[in-house]
Amino acid sequence: MSKKVLLLYGGFSAERDVSVGSKNDISDALKSKGYTVVEHNLTDINEFIDVLRKEKPEVVYNGLYGNWGEDGEVQGFLDMLQIPYTHSGLKASAIGMDKQLCKLIAKHNGVKVADSQVMSAGEYLIRKDTLAMHPHVVKPVSDGSSVGVFVVKTADDAKKVAYDDLNLPVLVEDYIAGRELTVMCLEGKSSVVTELKSTNQFYDYEAKYTKGKTQHILPADLPADITKTCLEYAQIMHKALECNMLSRCDFRYNPNDGVVFLEINTNPGMTALSLVPEQAKYIGISFADLCAKLVENAAYRRR
């Protein structure tokens, strides 16, 4: 393989460090498969345009996470330039990042979700004393890696909720107790469920990216019908959003509520601690082969 791949990493989101941390592994994997790799740390859009003009890559590997990277922004930009890129397109990326819209689509397709409502961070701070009577979760409507997520079970928990931007739309949803589960969907098919046992209250940013904070149980020890439901839900969401190649769905499970869909990630993490490479390896796909699959199936919206 001699394709020139521009590995785009860094970016402008709160997950910039995650992107930077995964860059070397992705680059090494692509080079091992014979690709010519040009790495670009995204800090300025005009500089990015200059690099595209100079290098003329055949594919952009989207190694960005969070806002401006996996929410449809860079996807739309590359669509306009007619340059193929990895992972999902504009529509799937935008919907996947919008947690409330994604939940509405899930519910429409028969996937169980927790009750929720959207309000500004400022409105939540005004109403939190009444909302704190019931366990709930507060999180930005559009962000990833559990950035800005608060679990509120008591009035004291509610006092800890803080956002710099009071106009920020936040999702307030019922807290679902139980086991944390996740499923990779590759080429429209899901194969295995991982259970996440974190030393933290939930699978938050620290638990995701700190070695030793979370135990990955692969495959999860679940009743057969629960495993089946998780796999089916992941495939339903992948198809409903029209994801390209790869996605990962997160769930909570307890015997009373059953399997409850939390969110979909259309550009899952690819660090050494990431779940998707681990599940891919479990079903016989190496990290290098996974990266190559993404490159070979890179696409863009044609004019």
C-alpha atoms as a PDB file:
ATOM      1  CA  MET A   1       0.000   0.000   0.000  1.00  0.00           C
ATOM      2  CA  SER A   2       1.400   3.399  -0.927  1.00  0.00           C
ATOM      3  CA  LYS A   3      -1.465   5.774  -0.210  1.00  0.00           C
ATOM      4  CA  LYS A   4      -0.508   9.069   1.342  1.00  0.00           C
ATOM      5  CA  VAL A   5      -2.474   9.527   4.565  1.00  0.00           C
ATOM      6  CA  LEU A   6      -2.630  12.788   6.456  1.00  0.00           C
ATOM      7  CA  LEU A   7      -3.052  11.954  10.140  1.00  0.00           C
ATOM      8  CA  LEU A   8      -4.991  14.846  11.641  1.00  0.00           C
ATOM      9  CA  TYR A   9      -4.659  15.154  15.423  1.00  0.00           C
ATOM     10  CA  GLY A  10      -4.788  17.712  18.230  1.00  0.00           C
ATOM     11  CA  GLY A  11      -7.633  20.116  17.526  1.00  0.00           C
ATOM     12  CA  PHE A  12      -9.525  22.663  19.580  1.00  0.00           C
ATOM     13  CA  SER A  13     -11.627  20.588  21.993  1.00  0.00           C
ATOM     14  CA  ALA A  14     -11.305  19.590  25.631  1.00  0.00           C
ATOM     15  CA  GLU A  15     -10.152  16.195  24.323  1.00  0.00           C
ATOM     16  CA  ARG A  16      -7.090  17.552  22.565  1.00  0.00           C
ATOM     17  CA  ASP A  17      -4.730  15.683  24.916  1.00  0.00           C
ATOM     18  CA  VAL A  18      -6.487  12.405  24.150  1.00  0.00           C
ATOM     19  CA  SER A  19      -5.955  12.971  20.443  1.00  0.00           C
ATOM     20  CA  VAL A  20      -2.297  13.861  20.897  1.00  0.00           C
ATOM     21  CA  GLY A  21      -1.840  10.804  23.112  1.00  0.00           C
ATOM     22  CA  SER A  22      -3.160   8.423  20.449  1.00  0.00           C
ATOM     23  CA  LYS A  23      -1.253   9.927  17.511  1.00  0.00           C
ATOM     24  CA  ASN A  24       1.926   7.841  17.725  1.00  0.00           C
ATOM     25  CA  ASP A  25       0.144   4.485  17.926  1.00  0.00           C
ATOM     26  CA  ILE A  26      -2.039   5.316  14.908  1.00  0.00           C
ATOM     27  CA  SER A  27       0.917   6.632  12.906  1.00  0.00           C
ATOM     28  CA  ASP A  28       3.042   3.568  13.654  1.00  0.00           C
ATOM     29  CA  ALA A  29       0.149   1.253  12.769  1.00  0.00           C
ATOM     30  CA  LEU A  30      -0.438   2.920   9.398  1.00  0.00           C
ATOM     31  CA  LYS A  31       3.268   2.942   8.537  1.00  0.00           C
ATOM     32  CA  SER A  32       3.476  -0.768   9.387  1.00  0.00           C
ATOM     33  CA  LYS A  33       0.793  -1.374   6.745  1.00  0.00           C
ATOM     34  CA  GLY A  34       2.792   0.470   4.101  1.00  0.00           C
ATOM     35  CA  TYR A  35       1.066   3.850   4.090  1.00  0.00           C
ATOM     36  CA  THR A  36       2.963   7.114   3.714  1.00  0.00           C
ATOM     37  CA  VAL A  37       1.921   9.108   6.774  1.00  0.00           C
ATOM     38  CA  VAL A  38       2.020  12.874   7.140  1.00  0.00           C
ATOM     39  CA  GLU A  39       1.186  14.025  10.668  1.00  0.00           C
ATOM     40  CA  HIS A  40      -0.516  17.369  11.250  1.00  0.00           C
ATOM     41  CA  ASN A  41      -1.240  18.903  14.639  1.00  0.00           C
ATOM     42  CA  LEU A  42      -4.375  21.000  14.099  1.00  0.00           C
ATOM     43  CA  THR A  43      -4.031  24.385  15.788  1.00  0.00           C
ATOM     44  CA  ASP A  44      -4.936  26.757  12.950  1.00  0.00           C
ATOM     45  CA  ILE A  45      -7.369  26.145  10.076  1.00  0.00           C
ATOM     46  CA  ASN A  46      -5.392  28.199   7.537  1.00  0.00           C
ATOM     47  CA  GLU A  47      -2.258  26.228   8.312  1.00  0.00           C
ATOM     48  CA  PHE A  48      -4.271  23.033   7.806  1.00  0.00           C
ATOM     49  CA  ILE A  49      -5.412  24.250   4.390  1.00  0.00           C
ATOM     50  CA  ASP A  50      -1.799  24.998   3.429  1.00  0.00           C
ATOM     51  CA  VAL A  51      -0.747  21.483   4.460  1.00  0.00           C
ATOM     52  CA  LEU A  52      -3.553  19.940   2.392  1.00  0.00           C
ATOM     53  CA  ARG A  53      -2.479  21.968  -0.644  1.00  0.00           C
ATOM     54  CA  LYS A  54       1.161  21.035  -0.225  1.00  0.00           C
ATOM     55  CA  GLU A  55       0.813  17.345   0.652  1.00  0.00           C
ATOM     56  CA  LYS A  56      -2.298  16.479  -1.430  1.00  0.00           C
ATOM     57  CA  PRO A  57      -3.182  13.435   0.728  1.00  0.00           C
ATOM     58  CA  GLU A  58      -5.345  10.687  -0.711  1.00  0.00           C
ATOM     59  CA  VAL A  59      -7.006  10.166   2.684  1.00  0.00           C
ATOM     60  CA  VAL A  60      -7.284  12.143   5.915  1.00  0.00           C
ATOM     61  CA  TYR A  61      -7.230   9.942   9.005  1.00  0.00           C
ATOM     62  CA  ASN A  62      -9.435  11.808  11.458  1.00  0.00           C
ATOM     63  CA  GLY A  63      -7.672  11.445  14.777  1.00  0.00           C
ATOM     64  CA  LEU A  64      -9.569  14.349  16.371  1.00  0.00           C
ATOM     65  CA  TYR A  65     -11.961  13.950  19.293  1.00  0.00           C
ATOM     66  CA  GLY A  66     -14.679  16.137  20.741  1.00  0.00           C
ATOM     67  CA  ASN A  67     -16.046  19.371  19.322  1.00  0.00           C
ATOM     68  CA  TRP A  68     -14.710  20.502  15.942  1.00  0.00           C
ATOM     69  CA  GLY A  69     -13.322  16.998  15.402  1.00  0.00           C
ATOM     70  CA  GLU A  70     -16.098  14.441  15.622  1.00  0.00           C
ATOM     71  CA  ASP A  71     -19.225  16.608  15.605  1.00  0.00           C
ATOM     72  CA  GLY A  72     -19.495  17.167  11.853  1.00  0.00           C
ATOM     73  CA  GLU A  73     -17.382  20.319  11.580  1.00  0.00           C
ATOM     74  CA  VAL A  74     -14.187  18.877  10.088  1.00  0.00           C
ATOM     75  CA  GLN A  75     -16.280  16.314   8.203  1.00  0.00           C
ATOM     76  CA  GLY A  76     -18.209  19.053   6.404  1.00  0.00           C
ATOM     77  CA  PHE A  77     -14.990  20.901   5.638  1.00  0.00           C
ATOM     78  CA  LEU A  78     -13.430  17.814   4.040  1.00  0.00           C
ATOM     79  CA  ASP A  79     -16.670  17.095   2.175  1.00  0.00           C
ATOM     80  CA  MET A  80     -16.417  20.538   0.597  1.00  0.00           C
ATOM     81  CA  LEU A  81     -12.822  19.828  -0.407  1.00  0.00           C
ATOM     82  CA  GLN A  82     -13.818  16.363  -1.708  1.00  0.00           C
ATOM     83  CA  ILE A  83     -11.097  14.641   0.333  1.00  0.00           C
ATOM     84  CA  PRO A  84     -11.897  11.158   1.726  1.00  0.00           C
ATOM     85  CA  TYR A  85     -11.671  10.866   5.507  1.00  0.00           C
ATOM     86  CA  THR A  86     -11.972   8.062   8.038  1.00  0.00           C
ATOM     87  CA  HIS A  87     -14.898   7.345  10.342  1.00  0.00           C
ATOM     88  CA  SER A  88     -18.399   8.702   9.898  1.00  0.00           C
ATOM     89  CA  GLY A  89     -19.650  11.594   7.788  1.00  0.00           C
ATOM     90  CA  LEU A  90     -21.149  14.936   8.726  1.00  0.00           C
ATOM     91  CA  LYS A  91     -24.682  13.776   9.515  1.00  0.00           C
ATOM     92  CA  ALA A  92     -23.788  10.754  11.633  1.00  0.00           C
ATOM     93  CA  SER A  93     -21.074  12.701  13.456  1.00  0.00           C
ATOM     94  CA  ALA A  94     -23.336  15.654  14.265  1.00  0.00           C
ATOM     95  CA  ILE A  95     -26.197  13.475  15.471  1.00  0.00           C
ATOM     96  CA  GLY A  96     -23.895  11.195  17.454  1.00  0.00           C
ATOM     97  CA  MET A  97     -22.422  14.163  19.318  1.00  0.00           C
ATOM     98  CA  ASP A  98     -25.855  15.613  20.136  1.00  0.00           C
ATOM     99  CA  LYS A  99     -26.855  13.386  23.034  1.00  0.00           C
ATOM    100  CA  GLN A 100     -30.489  14.456  23.173  1.00  0.00           C
ATOM    101  CA  LEU A 101     -31.113  14.127  19.438  1.00  0.00           C
ATOM    102  CA  CYS A 102     -29.348  10.776  19.460  1.00  0.00           C
ATOM    103  CA  LYS A 103     -31.603   9.590  22.286  1.00  0.00           C
ATOM    104  CA  LEU A 104     -34.703  10.609  20.343  1.00  0.00           C
ATOM    105  CA  ILE A 105     -33.518   8.554  17.375  1.00  0.00           C
ATOM    106  CA  ALA A 106     -32.752   5.626  19.673  1.00  0.00           C
ATOM    107  CA  LYS A 107     -36.212   5.755  21.219  1.00  0.00           C
ATOM    108  CA  HIS A 108     -37.820   5.951  17.763  1.00  0.00           C
ATOM    109  CA  ASN A 109     -35.945   2.773  16.814  1.00  0.00           C
ATOM    110  CA  GLY A 110     -36.998   0.807  19.888  1.00  0.00           C
ATOM    111  CA  VAL A 111     -33.798   1.301  21.873  1.00  0.00           C
ATOM    112  CA  LYS A 112     -34.446   1.977  25.557  1.00  0.00           C
ATOM    113  CA  VAL A 113     -33.195   5.312  26.955  1.00  0.00           C
ATOM    114  CA  ALA A 114     -33.434   7.176  30.262  1.00  0.00           C
ATOM    115  CA  ASP A 115     -35.921  10.037  30.626  1.00  0.00           C
ATOM    116  CA  SER A 116     -34.228  13.391  30.135  1.00  0.00           C
ATOM    117  CA  GLN A 117     -34.647  17.074  29.443  1.00  0.00           C
ATOM    118  CA  VAL A 118     -32.446  19.822  28.013  1.00  0.00           C
ATOM    119  CA  MET A 119     -31.859  23.198  29.645  1.00  0.00           C
ATOM    120  CA  SER A 120     -29.091  25.756  29.938  1.00  0.00           C
ATOM    121  CA  ALA A 121     -26.449  25.334  32.620  1.00  0.00           C
ATOM    122  CA  GLY A 122     -27.757  28.534  34.215  1.00  0.00           C
ATOM    123  CA  GLU A 123     -31.307  27.200  34.353  1.00  0.00           C
ATOM    124  CA  TYR A 124     -30.057  24.002  35.932  1.00  0.00           C
ATOM    125  CA  LEU A 125     -28.244  25.927  38.658  1.00  0.00           C
ATOM    126  CA  ILE A 126     -31.491  27.752  39.451  1.00  0.00           C
ATOM    127  CA  ARG A 127     -33.571  24.569  39.526  1.00  0.00           C
ATOM    128  CA  LYS A 128     -31.022  22.152  40.970  1.00  0.00           C
ATOM    129  CA  ASP A 129     -32.456  22.116  44.495  1.00  0.00           C
ATOM    130  CA  THR A 130     -35.730  20.639  43.269  1.00  0.00           C
ATOM    131  CA  LEU A 131     -34.070  18.368  40.713  1.00  0.00           C
ATOM    132  CA  ALA A 132     -31.661  17.082  43.355  1.00  0.00           C
ATOM    133  CA  MET A 133     -34.583  15.278  45.013  1.00  0.00           C
ATOM    134  CA  HIS A 134     -34.157  12.587  42.370  1.00  0.00           C
ATOM    135  CA  PRO A 135     -30.868  10.954  41.284  1.00  0.00           C
ATOM    136  CA  HIS A 136     -29.861  12.329  37.897  1.00  0.00           C
ATOM    137  CA  VAL A 137     -26.910  12.998  35.625  1.00  0.00           C
ATOM    138  CA  VAL A 138     -25.966  16.407  34.221  1.00  0.00           C
ATOM    139  CA  LYS A 139     -23.761  16.631  31.130  1.00  0.00           C
ATOM    140  CA  PRO A 140     -23.185  18.879  28.115  1.00  0.00           C
ATOM    141  CA  VAL A 141     -25.506  18.047  25.239  1.00  0.00           C
ATOM    142  CA  SER A 142     -22.540  18.016  22.856  1.00  0.00           C
ATOM    143  CA  ASP A 143     -19.212  16.839  24.230  1.00  0.00           C
ATOM    144  CA  GLY A 144     -17.288  13.601  24.631  1.00  0.00           C
ATOM    145  CA  SER A 145     -15.030  11.597  26.959  1.00  0.00           C
ATOM    146  CA  SER A 146     -17.371  12.342  29.877  1.00  0.00           C
ATOM    147  CA  VAL A 147     -16.135  15.932  29.983  1.00  0.00           C
ATOM    148  CA  GLY A 148     -18.322  18.032  32.292  1.00  0.00           C
ATOM    149  CA  VAL A 149     -20.421  15.112  33.555  1.00  0.00           C
ATOM    150  CA  PHE A 150     -21.846  15.220  37.102  1.00  0.00           C
ATOM    151  CA  VAL A 151     -23.730  12.457  38.896  1.00  0.00           C
ATOM    152  CA  VAL A 152     -26.193  14.049  41.336  1.00  0.00           C
ATOM    153  CA  LYS A 153     -27.642  11.830  44.041  1.00  0.00           C
ATOM    154  CA  THR A 154     -27.824  14.327  46.903  1.00  0.00           C
ATOM    155  CA  ALA A 155     -28.191  18.069  47.433  1.00  0.00           C
ATOM    156  CA  ASP A 156     -24.451  18.197  48.203  1.00  0.00           C
ATOM    157  CA  ASP A 157     -23.737  16.611  44.810  1.00  0.00           C
ATOM    158  CA  ALA A 158     -25.824  19.319  43.139  1.00  0.00           C
ATOM    159  CA  LYS A 159     -23.678  22.024  44.755  1.00  0.00           C
ATOM    160  CA  LYS A 160     -20.625  20.617  42.944  1.00  0.00           C
ATOM    161  CA  VAL A 161     -22.145  21.113  39.485  1.00  0.00           C
ATOM    162  CA  ALA A 162     -20.375  24.025  37.804  1.00  0.00           C
ATOM    163  CA  TYR A 163     -20.004  25.264  34.241  1.00  0.00           C
ATOM    164  CA  ASP A 164     -18.128  28.347  33.051  1.00  0.00           C
ATOM    165  CA  ASP A 165     -20.696  29.012  30.330  1.00  0.00           C
ATOM    166  CA  LEU A 166     -24.171  29.444  31.823  1.00  0.00           C
ATOM    167  CA  ASN A 167     -25.688  29.344  28.317  1.00  0.00           C
ATOM    168  CA  LEU A 168     -24.227  25.897  27.683  1.00  0.00           C
ATOM    169  CA  PRO A 169     -27.018  23.413  26.812  1.00  0.00           C
ATOM    170  CA  VAL A 170     -26.931  20.527  29.276  1.00  0.00           C
ATOM    171  CA  LEU A 171     -28.787  17.239  29.337  1.00  0.00           C
ATOM    172  CA  VAL A 172     -30.391  16.320  32.650  1.00  0.00           C
ATOM    173  CA  GLU A 173     -31.351  12.657  32.653  1.00  0.00           C
ATOM    174  CA  ASP A 174     -32.477  10.065  35.167  1.00  0.00           C
ATOM    175  CA  TYR A 175     -29.570   8.264  36.803  1.00  0.00           C
ATOM    176  CA  ILE A 176     -29.526   4.592  35.823  1.00  0.00           C
ATOM    177  CA  ALA A 177     -27.756   2.459  38.397  1.00  0.00           C
ATOM    178  CA  GLY A 178     -26.037  -0.727  37.362  1.00  0.00           C
ATOM    179  CA  ARG A 179     -23.268  -2.162  35.239  1.00  0.00           C
ATOM    180  CA  GLU A 180     -21.394  -0.133  32.607  1.00  0.00           C
ATOM    181  CA  LEU A 181     -21.275  -1.914  29.244  1.00  0.00           C
ATOM    182  CA  THR A 182     -19.876  -1.003  25.845  1.00  0.00           C
ATOM    183  CA  VAL A 183     -20.066  -2.486  22.344  1.00  0.00           C
ATOM    184  CA  MET A 184     -18.032  -1.850  19.209  1.00  0.00           C
ATOM    185  CA  CYS A 185     -19.829  -2.015  15.875  1.00  0.00           C
ATOM    186  CA  LEU A 186     -17.494  -2.642  12.944  1.00  0.00           C
ATOM    187  CA  GLU A 187     -18.790  -2.671   9.371  1.00  0.00           C
ATOM    188  CA  GLY A 188     -22.327  -2.798  10.731  1.00  0.00           C
ATOM    189  CA  LYS A 189     -21.760  -5.828  12.950  1.00  0.00           C
ATOM    190  CA  SER A 190     -21.300  -6.034  16.714  1.00  0.00           C
ATOM    191  CA  SER A 191     -19.608  -9.071  18.223  1.00  0.00           C
ATOM    192  CA  VAL A 192     -18.795  -8.724  21.914  1.00  0.00           C
ATOM    193  CA  VAL A 193     -19.701  -6.772  25.062  1.00  0.00           C
ATOM    194  CA  THR A 194     -17.154  -5.320  27.492  1.00  0.00           C
ATOM    195  CA  GLU A 195     -18.048  -4.504  31.093  1.00  0.00           C
ATOM    196  CA  LEU A 196     -16.246  -1.567  32.700  1.00  0.00           C
ATOM    197  CA  LYS A 197     -15.540  -1.705  36.418  1.00  0.00           C
ATOM    198  CA  SER A 198     -14.159   1.649  37.498  1.00  0.00           C
ATOM    199  CA  THR A 199     -12.727   2.655  40.848  1.00  0.00           C
ATOM    200  CA  ASN A 200     -14.420   6.025  40.237  1.00  0.00           C
ATOM    201  CA  GLN A 201     -18.137   6.678  40.669  1.00  0.00           C
ATOM    202  CA  PHE A 202     -18.637   6.132  36.953  1.00  0.00           C
ATOM    203  CA  TYR A 203     -16.580   5.733  33.780  1.00  0.00           C
ATOM    204  CA  ASP A 204     -15.488   9.379  33.698  1.00  0.00           C
ATOM    205  CA  TYR A 205     -12.572  11.132  31.958  1.00  0.00           C
ATOM    206  CA  GLU A 206     -10.062  10.064  34.607  1.00  0.00           C
ATOM    207  CA  ALA A 207     -11.279   6.460  34.513  1.00  0.00           C
ATOM    208  CA  LYS A 208     -11.051   6.393  30.722  1.00  0.00           C
ATOM    209  CA  TYR A 209      -7.474   7.619  30.431  1.00  0.00           C
ATOM    210  CA  THR A 210      -5.702   6.663  33.671  1.00  0.00           C
ATOM    211  CA  LYS A 211      -4.080   3.257  33.732  1.00  0.00           C
ATOM    212  CA  GLY A 212      -5.385   1.054  36.534  1.00  0.00           C
ATOM    213  CA  LYS A 213      -8.550   3.092  37.131  1.00  0.00           C
ATOM    214  CA  THR A 214     -10.863   0.775  35.184  1.00  0.00           C
ATOM    215  CA  GLN A 215     -11.008  -2.975  34.761  1.00  0.00           C
ATOM    216  CA  HIS A 216     -12.167  -4.167  31.331  1.00  0.00           C
ATOM    217  CA  ILE A 217     -14.012  -7.486  31.495  1.00  0.00           C
ATOM    218  CA  LEU A 218     -14.032  -8.953  27.999  1.00  0.00           C
ATOM    219  CA  PRO A 219     -16.360 -10.597  27.303  1.00  0.00           C
ATOM    220  CA  ALA A 220     -18.768  -9.336  29.943  1.00  0.00           C
ATOM    221  CA  ASP A 221     -20.305 -12.055  32.114  1.00  0.00           C
ATOM    222  CA  LEU A 222     -23.968 -11.411  31.316  1.00  0.00           C
ATOM    223  CA  PRO A 223     -27.136 -13.420  30.745  1.00  0.00           C
ATOM    224  CA  ALA A 224     -27.345 -14.429  27.078  1.00  0.00           C
ATOM    225  CA  ASP A 225     -30.442 -12.312  26.457  1.00  0.00           C
ATOM    226  CA  ILE A 226     -28.756  -9.195  27.860  1.00  0.00           C
ATOM    227  CA  THR A 227     -25.684  -9.720  25.683  1.00  0.00           C
ATOM    228  CA  LYS A 228     -27.978 -10.157  22.682  1.00  0.00           C
ATOM    229  CA  THR A 229     -29.832  -6.929  23.477  1.00  0.00           C
ATOM    230  CA  CYS A 230     -26.582  -4.940  23.761  1.00  0.00           C
ATOM    231  CA  LEU A 231     -25.330  -6.266  20.435  1.00  0.00           C
ATOM    232  CA  GLU A 232     -28.655  -5.580  18.725  1.00  0.00           C
ATOM    233  CA  TYR A 233     -28.922  -2.058  20.141  1.00  0.00           C
ATOM    234  CA  ALA A 234     -25.387  -1.216  18.928  1.00  0.00           C
ATOM    235  CA  GLN A 235     -26.202  -2.389  15.413  1.00  0.00           C
ATOM    236  CA  ILE A 236     -29.510  -0.520  15.385  1.00  0.00           C
ATOM    237  CA  MET A 237     -27.832   2.757  16.348  1.00  0.00           C
ATOM    238  CA  HIS A 238     -24.954   2.281  13.911  1.00  0.00           C
ATOM    239  CA  LYS A 239     -27.454   1.751  11.091  1.00  0.00           C
ATOM    240  CA  ALA A 240     -29.894   4.474  12.187  1.00  0.00           C
ATOM    241  CA  LEU A 241     -27.169   7.136  12.133  1.00  0.00           C
ATOM    242  CA  GLU A 242     -25.629   5.702   8.947  1.00  0.00           C
ATOM    243  CA  CYS A 243     -22.203   5.439  10.548  1.00  0.00           C
ATOM    244  CA  ASN A 244     -19.249   4.622   8.322  1.00  0.00           C
ATOM    245  CA  MET A 245     -17.281   1.548   9.376  1.00  0.00           C
ATOM    246  CA  LEU A 246     -16.894   2.058  13.113  1.00  0.00           C
ATOM    247  CA  SER A 247     -18.885   3.146  16.166  1.00  0.00           C
ATOM    248  CA  ARG A 248     -19.138   2.310  19.849  1.00  0.00           C
ATOM    249  CA  CYS A 249     -22.257   2.354  22.011  1.00  0.00           C
ATOM    250  CA  ASP A 250     -22.330   2.678  25.786  1.00  0.00           C
ATOM    251  CA  PHE A 251     -25.040   1.202  28.012  1.00  0.00           C
ATOM    252  CA  ARG A 252     -26.105   0.749  31.617  1.00  0.00           C
ATOM    253  CA  TYR A 253     -27.734  -2.473  32.782  1.00  0.00           C
ATOM    254  CA  ASN A 254     -29.609  -3.567  35.881  1.00  0.00           C
ATOM    255  CA  PRO A 255     -32.353  -6.216  36.236  1.00  0.00           C
ATOM    256  CA  ASN A 256     -35.094  -3.637  36.870  1.00  0.00           C
ATOM    257  CA  ASP A 257     -34.383  -1.242  34.008  1.00  0.00           C
ATOM    258  CA  GLY A 258     -32.818  -3.724  31.613  1.00  0.00           C
ATOM    259  CA  VAL A 259     -30.331  -2.424  29.030  1.00  0.00           C
ATOM    260  CA  VAL A 260     -30.422   1.379  28.715  1.00  0.00           C
ATOM    261  CA  PHE A 261     -28.620   3.175  25.888  1.00  0.00           C
ATOM    262  CA  LEU A 262     -26.438   6.087  27.020  1.00  0.00           C
ATOM    263  CA  GLU A 263     -24.684   7.359  23.905  1.00  0.00           C
ATOM    264  CA  ILE A 264     -22.884   6.481  20.675  1.00  0.00           C
ATOM    265  CA  ASN A 265     -19.341   7.429  19.739  1.00  0.00           C
ATOM    266  CA  THR A 266     -18.818   7.729  15.986  1.00  0.00           C
ATOM    267  CA  ASN A 267     -15.066   8.250  16.351  1.00  0.00           C
ATOM    268  CA  PRO A 268     -14.062   5.998  19.270  1.00  0.00           C
ATOM    269  CA  GLY A 269     -10.797   6.480  21.119  1.00  0.00           C
ATOM    270  CA  MET A 270      -7.673   4.776  19.788  1.00  0.00           C
ATOM    271  CA  THR A 271      -5.285   5.062  22.736  1.00  0.00           C
ATOM    272  CA  ALA A 272      -3.508   2.170  24.429  1.00  0.00           C
ATOM    273  CA  LEU A 273      -6.346   2.047  26.992  1.00  0.00           C
ATOM    274  CA  SER A 274      -9.147   2.337  24.444  1.00  0.00           C
ATOM    275  CA  LEU A 275     -11.995  -0.124  24.215  1.00  0.00           C
ATOM    276  CA  VAL A 276     -12.408  -0.490  20.458  1.00  0.00           C
ATOM    277  CA  PRO A 277      -8.857  -1.745  19.713  1.00  0.00           C
ATOM    278  CA  GLU A 278      -9.300  -4.175  22.596  1.00  0.00           C
ATOM    279  CA  GLN A 279     -12.571  -5.553  21.232  1.00  0.00           C
ATOM    280  CA  ALA A 280     -11.143  -5.676  17.710  1.00  0.00           C
ATOM    281  CA  LYS A 281      -8.200  -7.730  18.963  1.00  0.00           C
ATOM    282  CA  TYR A 282     -10.613 -10.065  20.745  1.00  0.00           C
ATOM    283  CA  ILE A 283     -12.340 -10.889  17.443  1.00  0.00           C
ATOM    284  CA  GLY A 284      -9.012 -11.338  15.632  1.00  0.00           C
ATOM    285  CA  ILE A 285      -8.371  -7.884  14.138  1.00  0.00           C
ATOM    286  CA  SER A 286      -5.037  -6.273  15.006  1.00  0.00           C
ATOM    287  CA  PHE A 287      -4.718  -2.567  15.727  1.00  0.00           C
ATOM    288  CA  ALA A 288      -2.816  -2.056  12.477  1.00  0.00           C
ATOM    289  CA  ASP A 289      -5.446  -3.928  10.485  1.00  0.00           C
ATOM    290  CA  LEU A 290      -8.198  -1.885  12.148  1.00  0.00           C
ATOM    291  CA  CYS A 291      -6.519   1.394  11.193  1.00  0.00           C
ATOM    292  CA  ALA A 292      -6.007   0.110   7.657  1.00  0.00           C
ATOM    293  CA  LYS A 293      -9.690  -0.828   7.388  1.00  0.00           C
ATOM    294  CA  LEU A 294     -10.614   2.730   8.291  1.00  0.00           C
ATOM    295  CA  VAL A 295      -8.275   4.165   5.666  1.00  0.00           C
ATOM    296  CA  GLU A 296      -9.412   1.808   2.907  1.00  0.00           C
ATOM    297  CA  ASN A 297     -13.045   2.662   3.593  1.00  0.00           C
ATOM    298  CA  ALA A 298     -12.533   6.407   3.939  1.00  0.00           C
ATOM    299  CA  ALA A 299     -15.284   8.386   2.207  1.00  0.00           C
ATOM    300  CA  TYR A 300     -16.719  11.843   1.617  1.00  0.00           C
ATOM    301  CA  ARG A 301     -20.043  13.272   0.460  1.00  0.00           C
ATOM    302  CA  ARG A 302     -19.754  13.622  -3.300  1.00  0.00           C
ATOM    303  CA  ARG A 303     -20.976  16.672  -5.101  1.00  0.00           C
END
